[in-house]
Amino acid sequence: MASESTPPPPQGGGARYAIAGVALAAVALLGYCLLQPPPPVAPVTGPADSGVSRSTSLVEDEMTIPDPEPDAGPTPDAFVPTEPVHHTTHVAAGSWDCTGEIDASAIRHVFEQYNPQIRNCYERGLKGNPMLQGAMTLQIKVGADGRVEGTQVGGSLRDRDVFSCVRQISTRMQFPRVSGGACAVVQVPYSFTPQQ
């Protein structure tokens, strides 16, 4: 009778230790990688200066926003412009070339009604940027019948939302009839700073 060989008994203990050893090594490697300081950042060097001046400014000192955006309008609060209200009788710029006039006291009266709302545009801008400040000039083209035909807002304030809000408010203004021409240009300067 042929002798039958019996397989040796399984040795599972060594395999368990091998798996545990691999897992422990992986954890140790991961810990080592996480505890290492980041590599130093090499300084950025550019080409030699060619004498050409470049600006790194993201925005210009003054900005004009030409197109109005719809706005429901702010609630009024008290504000008086820092400089007296005045009007320009002639602006040489395409369709803004107007020779008509409006009485200065009538212009002042119109702005007394709307200045609280204009100030509120700025106050709303302060909620998003507590450091917001600067100058703004509002120009309004008034048609012969006293209706607003166009608005321009610009200045160092550089806030699109405030400019849009002011433009929207200015389109609601109604002035007296223009004398001496088909249109007149009204210009009002503002200086905005956060109130302490």
Protein backbone atom coordinates (compact mmCIF):
# COMPACT_ATOMS: atom_id res chain seq x y z
CA MET A 1 0.00 0.00 0.00
CA ALA A 2 1.36 3.35 -1.00
CA SER A 3 1.96 5.76 1.73
CA GLU A 4 -0.14 8.80 1.65
CA SER A 5 1.42 12.05 2.59
CA THR A 6 -0.55 14.37 4.66
CA PRO A 7 -0.24 18.07 4.11
CA PRO A 8 1.53 19.97 6.86
CA PRO A 9 -0.67 21.87 9.24
CA PRO A 10 -1.39 25.50 8.15
CA GLN A 11 0.72 28.14 9.73
CA GLY A 12 -1.56 31.21 9.89
CA GLY A 13 0.37 32.96 12.61
CA GLY A 14 3.13 34.19 10.30
CA ALA A 15 0.72 35.69 7.74
CA ARG A 16 -1.08 37.68 10.42
CA TYR A 17 2.19 39.13 11.63
CA ALA A 18 3.21 40.02 8.08
CA ILE A 19 -0.07 41.90 7.43
CA ALA A 20 0.18 43.70 10.76
CA GLY A 21 3.79 44.66 9.96
CA VAL A 22 2.86 46.10 6.55
CA ALA A 23 -0.03 48.08 8.09
CA LEU A 24 2.23 49.43 10.83
CA ALA A 25 4.84 50.47 8.26
CA ALA A 26 2.18 52.29 6.19
CA VAL A 27 0.94 54.18 9.26
CA ALA A 28 4.50 55.11 10.19
CA LEU A 29 5.20 56.38 6.66
CA LEU A 30 2.01 58.43 6.64
CA GLY A 31 2.87 59.97 10.02
CA TYR A 32 6.37 60.81 8.79
CA CYS A 33 4.98 62.56 5.68
CA LEU A 34 2.45 64.57 7.66
CA LEU A 35 5.02 65.79 10.19
CA GLN A 36 7.55 67.03 7.63
CA PRO A 37 7.74 70.83 7.15
CA PRO A 38 6.70 72.12 3.72
CA PRO A 39 9.50 72.63 1.23
CA PRO A 40 10.87 76.18 1.01
CA VAL A 41 9.40 78.37 -1.73
CA ALA A 42 11.96 79.62 -4.19
CA PRO A 43 11.90 83.39 -4.77
CA VAL A 44 10.36 84.47 -8.06
CA THR A 45 12.81 86.18 -10.31
CA GLY A 46 11.79 87.97 -13.43
CA PRO A 47 13.63 89.16 -16.48
CA ALA A 48 16.00 92.07 -16.18
CA ASP A 49 14.35 95.51 -16.06
CA SER A 50 13.99 96.80 -19.58
CA GLY A 51 13.19 100.34 -18.42
CA VAL A 52 9.48 99.94 -19.19
CA SER A 53 7.21 101.10 -16.39
CA ARG A 54 4.40 98.71 -15.49
CA SER A 55 1.44 99.27 -13.24
CA THR A 56 0.24 96.62 -10.82
CA SER A 57 -2.90 98.57 -10.04
CA LEU A 58 -6.09 96.56 -10.48
CA VAL A 59 -8.29 99.64 -10.76
CA GLU A 60 -7.77 103.15 -11.97
CA ASP A 61 -7.98 106.23 -9.75
CA GLU A 62 -11.31 107.21 -11.29
CA MET A 63 -14.04 105.08 -12.79
CA THR A 64 -17.19 105.93 -14.74
CA ILE A 65 -20.14 103.55 -14.81
CA PRO A 66 -22.10 104.29 -18.02
CA ASP A 67 -25.11 101.94 -17.83
CA PRO A 68 -27.69 102.12 -15.05
CA GLU A 69 -28.84 98.98 -13.28
CA PRO A 70 -32.35 98.57 -11.87
CA ASP A 71 -32.67 99.36 -8.19
CA ALA A 72 -35.72 99.68 -5.96
CA GLY A 73 -34.10 102.69 -4.30
CA PRO A 74 -32.98 103.19 -0.73
CA THR A 75 -34.84 104.70 2.16
CA PRO A 76 -33.97 108.35 2.79
CA ASP A 77 -31.70 109.68 5.52
CA ALA A 78 -30.23 113.13 6.19
CA PHE A 79 -27.35 114.37 4.02
CA VAL A 80 -26.19 117.66 2.54
CA PRO A 81 -23.45 117.76 -0.12
CA THR A 82 -20.08 119.10 1.03
CA GLU A 83 -19.83 121.61 -1.80
CA PRO A 84 -22.48 123.96 -3.17
CA VAL A 85 -24.68 122.68 -5.97
CA HIS A 86 -23.85 124.19 -9.35
CA HIS A 87 -24.63 123.52 -12.97
CA THR A 88 -22.59 123.41 -16.13
CA THR A 89 -24.01 125.24 -19.11
CA HIS A 90 -21.77 123.64 -21.73
CA VAL A 91 -20.10 120.24 -21.86
CA ALA A 92 -18.30 119.47 -25.11
CA ALA A 93 -18.84 115.72 -25.36
CA GLY A 94 -21.13 114.44 -28.12
CA SER A 95 -24.76 114.28 -27.11
CA TRP A 96 -23.91 116.00 -23.79
CA ASP A 97 -23.20 119.23 -25.70
CA CYS A 98 -25.83 121.43 -24.03
CA THR A 99 -26.18 125.22 -23.90
CA GLY A 100 -29.35 125.56 -21.82
CA GLU A 101 -29.55 126.74 -18.22
CA ILE A 102 -31.55 125.97 -15.09
CA ASP A 103 -31.80 128.35 -12.13
CA ALA A 104 -29.29 127.34 -9.41
CA SER A 105 -31.86 127.68 -6.61
CA ALA A 106 -34.21 125.30 -8.48
CA ILE A 107 -31.39 122.77 -8.83
CA ARG A 108 -30.60 123.08 -5.13
CA HIS A 109 -34.27 122.49 -4.29
CA VAL A 110 -34.38 119.28 -6.36
CA PHE A 111 -31.22 117.92 -4.73
CA GLU A 112 -32.45 118.72 -1.22
CA GLN A 113 -35.23 116.21 -1.87
CA TYR A 114 -32.93 113.45 -3.20
CA ASN A 115 -29.70 113.91 -1.20
CA PRO A 116 -30.90 111.68 1.67
CA GLN A 117 -31.46 108.82 -0.79
CA ILE A 118 -28.07 109.44 -2.44
CA ARG A 119 -26.38 109.36 0.97
CA ASN A 120 -28.20 106.11 1.71
CA CYS A 121 -26.64 104.55 -1.43
CA TYR A 122 -23.26 105.22 0.18
CA GLU A 123 -24.42 103.92 3.58
CA ARG A 124 -25.48 100.65 1.94
CA GLY A 125 -22.02 100.41 0.34
CA LEU A 126 -20.44 100.83 3.79
CA LYS A 127 -22.17 97.66 4.98
CA GLY A 128 -20.10 95.65 2.50
CA ASN A 129 -16.93 97.74 2.90
CA PRO A 130 -16.58 99.69 6.19
CA MET A 131 -13.54 101.54 4.77
CA LEU A 132 -15.37 102.84 1.69
CA GLN A 133 -14.71 106.53 1.09
CA GLY A 134 -13.94 108.91 -1.75
CA ALA A 135 -15.27 111.56 -4.09
CA MET A 136 -18.11 111.20 -6.56
CA THR A 137 -19.38 113.54 -9.26
CA LEU A 138 -22.92 113.19 -10.54
CA GLN A 139 -23.74 114.71 -13.95
CA ILE A 140 -27.28 114.84 -15.22
CA LYS A 141 -28.39 115.80 -18.71
CA VAL A 142 -31.74 117.58 -18.42
CA GLY A 143 -34.03 117.88 -21.45
CA ALA A 144 -35.95 121.02 -22.43
CA ASP A 145 -39.02 119.86 -20.48
CA GLY A 146 -37.00 119.27 -17.27
CA ARG A 147 -36.87 115.48 -17.51
CA VAL A 148 -33.61 113.60 -17.01
CA GLU A 149 -32.26 112.35 -20.35
CA GLY A 150 -28.97 110.90 -19.15
CA THR A 151 -26.72 110.45 -16.12
CA GLN A 152 -23.01 109.96 -15.55
CA VAL A 153 -21.38 109.06 -12.24
CA GLY A 154 -17.64 108.93 -11.65
CA GLY A 155 -14.94 109.65 -9.13
CA SER A 156 -12.45 108.09 -6.74
CA LEU A 157 -15.15 106.29 -4.71
CA ARG A 158 -14.86 103.36 -7.19
CA ASP A 159 -17.90 101.39 -6.06
CA ARG A 160 -20.14 100.03 -8.82
CA ASP A 161 -23.08 99.38 -6.52
CA VAL A 162 -23.07 102.91 -5.09
CA PHE A 163 -22.69 104.42 -8.57
CA SER A 164 -25.55 102.31 -9.92
CA CYS A 165 -27.79 103.25 -6.98
CA VAL A 166 -27.07 106.98 -7.45
CA ARG A 167 -27.73 106.77 -11.19
CA GLN A 168 -31.05 105.04 -10.60
CA ILE A 169 -32.15 107.70 -8.11
CA SER A 170 -31.09 110.56 -10.38
CA THR A 171 -33.28 109.26 -13.23
CA ARG A 172 -36.35 110.00 -11.05
CA MET A 173 -35.51 113.70 -10.64
CA GLN A 174 -37.68 116.36 -12.28
CA PHE A 175 -36.19 119.81 -12.95
CA PRO A 176 -37.82 123.04 -14.17
CA ARG A 177 -37.88 123.72 -17.91
CA VAL A 178 -34.52 124.54 -19.45
CA SER A 179 -34.03 128.07 -20.73
CA GLY A 180 -31.74 129.10 -23.59
CA GLY A 181 -31.26 125.70 -25.19
CA ALA A 182 -32.56 122.22 -25.85
CA CYS A 183 -30.82 120.72 -22.79
CA ALA A 184 -28.71 121.58 -19.75
CA VAL A 185 -26.11 119.66 -17.77
CA VAL A 186 -26.28 119.66 -13.97
CA GLN A 187 -23.16 118.59 -12.09
CA VAL A 188 -22.96 117.92 -8.35
CA PRO A 189 -19.82 116.88 -6.42
CA TYR A 190 -19.99 114.67 -3.32
CA SER A 191 -17.37 113.60 -0.81
CA PHE A 192 -18.19 110.48 1.18
CA THR A 193 -16.48 109.40 4.40
CA PRO A 194 -17.72 107.00 7.10
CA GLN A 195 -19.38 108.86 9.98
CA GLN A 196 -17.74 108.27 13.38
